[in-house]
Amino acid sequence: MSFDVPDERQYLESHEWALETDGVVRVGITDFAQDELGDVVFVELPDEGDALEQEGEFGVVESIKAVSDLYAPVSGEVVAVNDELFDAPELVNDDPFGDGWMLEIEPDDADELEDLLTADEYQDQIA
């Protein structure tokens, strides 16, 4: 089976993605992760203003099969949360790289993105 792995994003081994735009890092879970989880029924996310540490837990995604912790790709402050997921968690399955995004972080150090996997490296991991 083939999974979407957009080139412009960076990835964690724990299956989160990061996309930096204008100094803000948008975060979600990968197509592979949502497929492994099955139907997502609940998402727990931090509040705007919360401080996150790189690779620290920031929330939980619950599906009909499993409950999985979510990990931050960079350290920084949460500046936006996708509130639509609270009423429509299935967006994570339907569009994991688009409408299913989870939060946005203003990074303390954007260089932390260099610690993450490239699309090719992530593709090798899930192959």
C-alpha atoms as a PDB file:
ATOM      1  CA  MET A   1       0.000   0.000   0.000  1.00  0.00           C
ATOM      2  CA  SER A   2       1.233   3.483  -0.846  1.00  0.00           C
ATOM      3  CA  PHE A   3       0.866   6.447   1.503  1.00  0.00           C
ATOM      4  CA  ASP A   4       0.977  10.155   0.761  1.00  0.00           C
ATOM      5  CA  VAL A   5       4.237  11.730   2.053  1.00  0.00           C
ATOM      6  CA  PRO A   6       4.398  15.367   0.876  1.00  0.00           C
ATOM      7  CA  ASP A   7       7.949  16.523   0.133  1.00  0.00           C
ATOM      8  CA  GLU A   8       7.603  19.996   1.672  1.00  0.00           C
ATOM      9  CA  ARG A   9       7.046  18.639   5.187  1.00  0.00           C
ATOM     10  CA  GLN A  10       9.366  17.190   7.828  1.00  0.00           C
ATOM     11  CA  TYR A  11       8.451  14.131   9.890  1.00  0.00           C
ATOM     12  CA  LEU A  12       8.933  12.559  13.296  1.00  0.00           C
ATOM     13  CA  GLU A  13       9.539   8.825  13.654  1.00  0.00           C
ATOM     14  CA  SER A  14       6.328   8.832  15.734  1.00  0.00           C
ATOM     15  CA  HIS A  15       4.366   9.806  12.559  1.00  0.00           C
ATOM     16  CA  GLU A  16       3.689  13.509  13.092  1.00  0.00           C
ATOM     17  CA  TRP A  17       4.395  15.984  10.289  1.00  0.00           C
ATOM     18  CA  ALA A  18       5.576  19.600  10.436  1.00  0.00           C
ATOM     19  CA  LEU A  19       5.196  22.343   7.853  1.00  0.00           C
ATOM     20  CA  GLU A  20       6.914  25.700   8.461  1.00  0.00           C
ATOM     21  CA  THR A  21       5.259  28.733   6.868  1.00  0.00           C
ATOM     22  CA  ASP A  22       6.078  32.355   7.727  1.00  0.00           C
ATOM     23  CA  GLY A  23       7.703  31.456  11.045  1.00  0.00           C
ATOM     24  CA  VAL A  24       4.863  29.197  12.246  1.00  0.00           C
ATOM     25  CA  VAL A  25       4.970  25.386  12.250  1.00  0.00           C
ATOM     26  CA  ARG A  26       1.713  23.574  11.464  1.00  0.00           C
ATOM     27  CA  VAL A  27       1.492  20.032  12.879  1.00  0.00           C
ATOM     28  CA  GLY A  28      -0.613  16.961  12.187  1.00  0.00           C
ATOM     29  CA  ILE A  29      -0.318  13.203  11.825  1.00  0.00           C
ATOM     30  CA  THR A  30       0.663  11.415   8.645  1.00  0.00           C
ATOM     31  CA  ASP A  31      -1.457   9.488   6.181  1.00  0.00           C
ATOM     32  CA  PHE A  32       0.287   6.299   7.385  1.00  0.00           C
ATOM     33  CA  ALA A  33      -0.593   7.084  11.028  1.00  0.00           C
ATOM     34  CA  GLN A  34      -4.264   7.775  10.351  1.00  0.00           C
ATOM     35  CA  ASP A  35      -4.507   4.554   8.334  1.00  0.00           C
ATOM     36  CA  GLU A  36      -2.905   2.514  11.140  1.00  0.00           C
ATOM     37  CA  LEU A  37      -5.232   4.085  13.720  1.00  0.00           C
ATOM     38  CA  GLY A  38      -8.435   3.515  11.799  1.00  0.00           C
ATOM     39  CA  ASP A  39     -11.448   5.768  12.341  1.00  0.00           C
ATOM     40  CA  VAL A  40     -10.455   8.654  14.629  1.00  0.00           C
ATOM     41  CA  VAL A  41     -13.201   9.367  17.176  1.00  0.00           C
ATOM     42  CA  PHE A  42     -11.552  11.841  19.578  1.00  0.00           C
ATOM     43  CA  VAL A  43      -8.659  14.298  19.622  1.00  0.00           C
ATOM     44  CA  GLU A  44      -7.216  15.974  22.728  1.00  0.00           C
ATOM     45  CA  LEU A  45      -5.062  19.021  22.029  1.00  0.00           C
ATOM     46  CA  PRO A  46      -3.311  21.672  24.129  1.00  0.00           C
ATOM     47  CA  ASP A  47      -4.619  25.210  24.598  1.00  0.00           C
ATOM     48  CA  GLU A  48      -3.345  28.234  22.738  1.00  0.00           C
ATOM     49  CA  GLY A  49      -0.515  29.749  24.754  1.00  0.00           C
ATOM     50  CA  ASP A  50       0.740  26.406  26.066  1.00  0.00           C
ATOM     51  CA  ALA A  51       4.495  25.808  25.855  1.00  0.00           C
ATOM     52  CA  LEU A  52       5.705  22.623  24.166  1.00  0.00           C
ATOM     53  CA  GLU A  53       9.064  20.863  24.173  1.00  0.00           C
ATOM     54  CA  GLN A  54      10.484  19.165  21.086  1.00  0.00           C
ATOM     55  CA  GLU A  55       9.419  15.495  21.107  1.00  0.00           C
ATOM     56  CA  GLY A  56       7.309  16.121  24.236  1.00  0.00           C
ATOM     57  CA  GLU A  57       3.714  14.906  24.352  1.00  0.00           C
ATOM     58  CA  PHE A  58       1.162  17.506  23.297  1.00  0.00           C
ATOM     59  CA  GLY A  59      -2.049  15.532  23.047  1.00  0.00           C
ATOM     60  CA  VAL A  60      -3.866  12.315  22.283  1.00  0.00           C
ATOM     61  CA  VAL A  61      -5.640  10.880  19.273  1.00  0.00           C
ATOM     62  CA  GLU A  62      -8.169   8.107  19.924  1.00  0.00           C
ATOM     63  CA  SER A  63      -9.561   5.760  17.316  1.00  0.00           C
ATOM     64  CA  ILE A  64     -11.771   2.701  17.287  1.00  0.00           C
ATOM     65  CA  LYS A  65      -8.554   0.629  17.489  1.00  0.00           C
ATOM     66  CA  ALA A  66      -6.136   2.532  19.733  1.00  0.00           C
ATOM     67  CA  VAL A  67      -5.194   5.583  21.771  1.00  0.00           C
ATOM     68  CA  SER A  68      -1.936   7.248  20.706  1.00  0.00           C
ATOM     69  CA  ASP A  69       0.079  10.076  22.183  1.00  0.00           C
ATOM     70  CA  LEU A  70       1.054  12.984  19.948  1.00  0.00           C
ATOM     71  CA  TYR A  71       4.560  14.499  19.983  1.00  0.00           C
ATOM     72  CA  ALA A  72       5.736  18.013  19.147  1.00  0.00           C
ATOM     73  CA  PRO A  73       8.202  18.399  16.273  1.00  0.00           C
ATOM     74  CA  VAL A  74       9.636  21.618  17.743  1.00  0.00           C
ATOM     75  CA  SER A  75       9.699  23.505  21.036  1.00  0.00           C
ATOM     76  CA  GLY A  76       7.608  26.640  21.248  1.00  0.00           C
ATOM     77  CA  GLU A  77       4.266  28.225  21.999  1.00  0.00           C
ATOM     78  CA  VAL A  78       0.959  26.923  20.666  1.00  0.00           C
ATOM     79  CA  VAL A  79      -0.496  29.816  18.634  1.00  0.00           C
ATOM     80  CA  ALA A  80      -3.468  28.004  17.052  1.00  0.00           C
ATOM     81  CA  VAL A  81      -5.480  24.827  17.593  1.00  0.00           C
ATOM     82  CA  ASN A  82      -7.764  23.259  14.997  1.00  0.00           C
ATOM     83  CA  ASP A  83     -11.036  23.484  16.947  1.00  0.00           C
ATOM     84  CA  GLU A  84     -12.904  21.757  14.100  1.00  0.00           C
ATOM     85  CA  LEU A  85     -11.376  18.455  15.212  1.00  0.00           C
ATOM     86  CA  PHE A  86     -13.329  18.513  18.484  1.00  0.00           C
ATOM     87  CA  ASP A  87     -16.636  18.190  16.597  1.00  0.00           C
ATOM     88  CA  ALA A  88     -15.288  16.434  13.498  1.00  0.00           C
ATOM     89  CA  PRO A  89     -12.293  14.237  14.460  1.00  0.00           C
ATOM     90  CA  GLU A  90     -12.800  12.271  11.239  1.00  0.00           C
ATOM     91  CA  LEU A  91     -11.044  15.149   9.424  1.00  0.00           C
ATOM     92  CA  VAL A  92      -7.808  13.522  10.600  1.00  0.00           C
ATOM     93  CA  ASN A  93      -8.690  10.484   8.462  1.00  0.00           C
ATOM     94  CA  ASP A  94     -10.247  12.383   5.569  1.00  0.00           C
ATOM     95  CA  ASP A  95      -7.488  14.964   5.063  1.00  0.00           C
ATOM     96  CA  PRO A  96      -4.478  14.408   7.375  1.00  0.00           C
ATOM     97  CA  PHE A  97      -2.277  16.952   5.545  1.00  0.00           C
ATOM     98  CA  GLY A  98      -5.027  19.549   5.045  1.00  0.00           C
ATOM     99  CA  ASP A  99      -8.196  20.092   7.087  1.00  0.00           C
ATOM    100  CA  GLY A 100      -7.027  17.476   9.603  1.00  0.00           C
ATOM    101  CA  TRP A 101      -4.114  19.605  10.880  1.00  0.00           C
ATOM    102  CA  MET A 102      -3.932  19.767  14.685  1.00  0.00           C
ATOM    103  CA  LEU A 103      -2.047  22.818  15.894  1.00  0.00           C
ATOM    104  CA  GLU A 104       0.382  25.575  15.032  1.00  0.00           C
ATOM    105  CA  ILE A 105       3.517  26.352  17.012  1.00  0.00           C
ATOM    106  CA  GLU A 106       5.635  29.476  17.061  1.00  0.00           C
ATOM    107  CA  PRO A 107       9.016  27.766  17.439  1.00  0.00           C
ATOM    108  CA  ASP A 108      11.607  28.843  19.983  1.00  0.00           C
ATOM    109  CA  ASP A 109      14.295  27.679  17.542  1.00  0.00           C
ATOM    110  CA  ALA A 110      13.317  26.958  13.927  1.00  0.00           C
ATOM    111  CA  ASP A 111      16.620  25.078  13.517  1.00  0.00           C
ATOM    112  CA  GLU A 112      14.978  22.199  15.422  1.00  0.00           C
ATOM    113  CA  LEU A 113      13.188  21.379  12.155  1.00  0.00           C
ATOM    114  CA  GLU A 114      16.548  20.200  10.834  1.00  0.00           C
ATOM    115  CA  ASP A 115      16.434  17.380  13.433  1.00  0.00           C
ATOM    116  CA  LEU A 116      13.365  15.864  11.737  1.00  0.00           C
ATOM    117  CA  LEU A 117      13.133  13.304   8.961  1.00  0.00           C
ATOM    118  CA  THR A 118      12.861  14.358   5.332  1.00  0.00           C
ATOM    119  CA  ALA A 119      10.021  12.963   3.210  1.00  0.00           C
ATOM    120  CA  ASP A 120      12.411  10.382   1.703  1.00  0.00           C
ATOM    121  CA  GLU A 121      13.683   9.316   5.132  1.00  0.00           C
ATOM    122  CA  TYR A 122      10.132   8.993   6.455  1.00  0.00           C
ATOM    123  CA  GLN A 123       9.065   7.037   3.349  1.00  0.00           C
ATOM    124  CA  ASP A 124      11.931   4.599   4.006  1.00  0.00           C
ATOM    125  CA  GLN A 125      10.763   4.204   7.619  1.00  0.00           C
ATOM    126  CA  ILE A 126       7.209   3.210   6.696  1.00  0.00           C
ATOM    127  CA  ALA A 127       8.120   1.080   3.660  1.00  0.00           C
END
